[in-house]
Amino acid sequence: YAGAEHIGSKALLTRVCELRPKLVVFGHAHIGHHGPVVIVPGTVGYNVACADSLNRPAYLPTEISVQS
């Protein structure tokens, strides 16, 4: 996601909707660095890309704490 616009793999989104994992971590869409976002109810996603659209360092690494 970049803002409210979905720019990633539609096939991957379909699979996430089928499986409904609690957490999805992704990072290829550099322009969409953010998190947490609700992908579908019960599934939170983080875009952890550290580079901008020109592949230059732009963001600090994202730390995600997961409790079992």
C-alpha atoms as a PDB file:
ATOM      1  CA  TYR A   1       0.000   0.000   0.000  1.00  0.00           C
ATOM      2  CA  ALA A   2       1.103   3.564  -0.658  1.00  0.00           C
ATOM      3  CA  GLY A   3      -1.336   5.688   1.268  1.00  0.00           C
ATOM      4  CA  ALA A   4      -4.726   4.180   0.443  1.00  0.00           C
ATOM      5  CA  GLU A   5      -3.600   2.955  -2.981  1.00  0.00           C
ATOM      6  CA  HIS A   6      -2.719  -0.726  -3.357  1.00  0.00           C
ATOM      7  CA  ILE A   7       0.445  -0.950  -5.456  1.00  0.00           C
ATOM      8  CA  GLY A   8       1.656  -4.449  -4.607  1.00  0.00           C
ATOM      9  CA  SER A   9       0.949  -7.947  -5.844  1.00  0.00           C
ATOM     10  CA  LYS A  10      -2.761  -8.628  -6.226  1.00  0.00           C
ATOM     11  CA  ALA A  11      -2.048 -12.380  -6.017  1.00  0.00           C
ATOM     12  CA  LEU A  12      -0.260 -11.909  -2.692  1.00  0.00           C
ATOM     13  CA  LEU A  13      -3.109  -9.770  -1.355  1.00  0.00           C
ATOM     14  CA  THR A  14      -5.588 -12.469  -2.395  1.00  0.00           C
ATOM     15  CA  ARG A  15      -3.535 -15.100  -0.544  1.00  0.00           C
ATOM     16  CA  VAL A  16      -3.277 -12.933   2.579  1.00  0.00           C
ATOM     17  CA  CYS A  17      -7.063 -12.519   2.499  1.00  0.00           C
ATOM     18  CA  GLU A  18      -7.446 -16.309   2.271  1.00  0.00           C
ATOM     19  CA  LEU A  19      -4.983 -17.152   5.051  1.00  0.00           C
ATOM     20  CA  ARG A  20      -5.687 -14.168   7.329  1.00  0.00           C
ATOM     21  CA  PRO A  21      -2.339 -14.201   9.170  1.00  0.00           C
ATOM     22  CA  LYS A  22      -2.040 -11.900  12.161  1.00  0.00           C
ATOM     23  CA  LEU A  23       1.052 -10.142  10.747  1.00  0.00           C
ATOM     24  CA  VAL A  24       2.396  -9.448   7.248  1.00  0.00           C
ATOM     25  CA  VAL A  25       5.810  -7.806   6.863  1.00  0.00           C
ATOM     26  CA  PHE A  26       6.857  -6.537   3.451  1.00  0.00           C
ATOM     27  CA  GLY A  27       9.323  -4.039   2.076  1.00  0.00           C
ATOM     28  CA  HIS A  28       9.643  -3.935  -1.677  1.00  0.00           C
ATOM     29  CA  ALA A  29       7.290  -0.975  -2.258  1.00  0.00           C
ATOM     30  CA  HIS A  30       9.753   1.681  -1.179  1.00  0.00           C
ATOM     31  CA  ILE A  31       7.323   4.588  -1.520  1.00  0.00           C
ATOM     32  CA  GLY A  32       4.947   3.112   1.013  1.00  0.00           C
ATOM     33  CA  HIS A  33       7.071   2.919   4.196  1.00  0.00           C
ATOM     34  CA  HIS A  34       4.546   2.762   7.037  1.00  0.00           C
ATOM     35  CA  GLY A  35       2.818   0.599   9.553  1.00  0.00           C
ATOM     36  CA  PRO A  36       0.828  -0.700  11.126  1.00  0.00           C
ATOM     37  CA  VAL A  37      -2.018  -0.877   8.614  1.00  0.00           C
ATOM     38  CA  VAL A  38      -5.003  -3.206   8.720  1.00  0.00           C
ATOM     39  CA  ILE A  39      -4.950  -5.224   5.503  1.00  0.00           C
ATOM     40  CA  VAL A  40      -8.077  -7.227   6.326  1.00  0.00           C
ATOM     41  CA  PRO A  41      -9.773  -7.506   9.719  1.00  0.00           C
ATOM     42  CA  GLY A  42      -7.373  -9.325  12.039  1.00  0.00           C
ATOM     43  CA  THR A  43      -4.314  -8.871   9.769  1.00  0.00           C
ATOM     44  CA  VAL A  44      -1.850  -6.047  10.366  1.00  0.00           C
ATOM     45  CA  GLY A  45       0.808  -5.169   7.820  1.00  0.00           C
ATOM     46  CA  TYR A  46       4.073  -3.251   8.014  1.00  0.00           C
ATOM     47  CA  ASN A  47       5.997  -1.921   5.039  1.00  0.00           C
ATOM     48  CA  VAL A  48       9.547  -1.950   6.378  1.00  0.00           C
ATOM     49  CA  ALA A  49      11.357  -0.648   3.283  1.00  0.00           C
ATOM     50  CA  CYS A  50      14.406   1.405   4.253  1.00  0.00           C
ATOM     51  CA  ALA A  51      15.045   2.998   0.845  1.00  0.00           C
ATOM     52  CA  ASP A  52      13.165   5.578  -1.204  1.00  0.00           C
ATOM     53  CA  SER A  53      11.941   5.118  -4.784  1.00  0.00           C
ATOM     54  CA  LEU A  54      15.497   5.778  -6.055  1.00  0.00           C
ATOM     55  CA  ASN A  55      16.883   3.072  -3.721  1.00  0.00           C
ATOM     56  CA  ARG A  56      18.617   5.610  -1.459  1.00  0.00           C
ATOM     57  CA  PRO A  57      18.559   5.114   2.331  1.00  0.00           C
ATOM     58  CA  ALA A  58      15.546   7.074   3.561  1.00  0.00           C
ATOM     59  CA  TYR A  59      14.015   5.428   6.626  1.00  0.00           C
ATOM     60  CA  LEU A  60      15.300   3.977   9.848  1.00  0.00           C
ATOM     61  CA  PRO A  61      14.811   0.226  10.284  1.00  0.00           C
ATOM     62  CA  THR A  62      11.427  -0.744  11.673  1.00  0.00           C
ATOM     63  CA  GLU A  63      11.291  -2.616  14.957  1.00  0.00           C
ATOM     64  CA  ILE A  64       8.250  -4.800  15.502  1.00  0.00           C
ATOM     65  CA  SER A  65       7.610  -6.434  18.850  1.00  0.00           C
ATOM     66  CA  VAL A  66       5.596  -9.638  18.606  1.00  0.00           C
ATOM     67  CA  GLN A  67       4.074 -11.298  21.644  1.00  0.00           C
ATOM     68  CA  SER A  68       3.068 -14.952  21.523  1.00  0.00           C
END
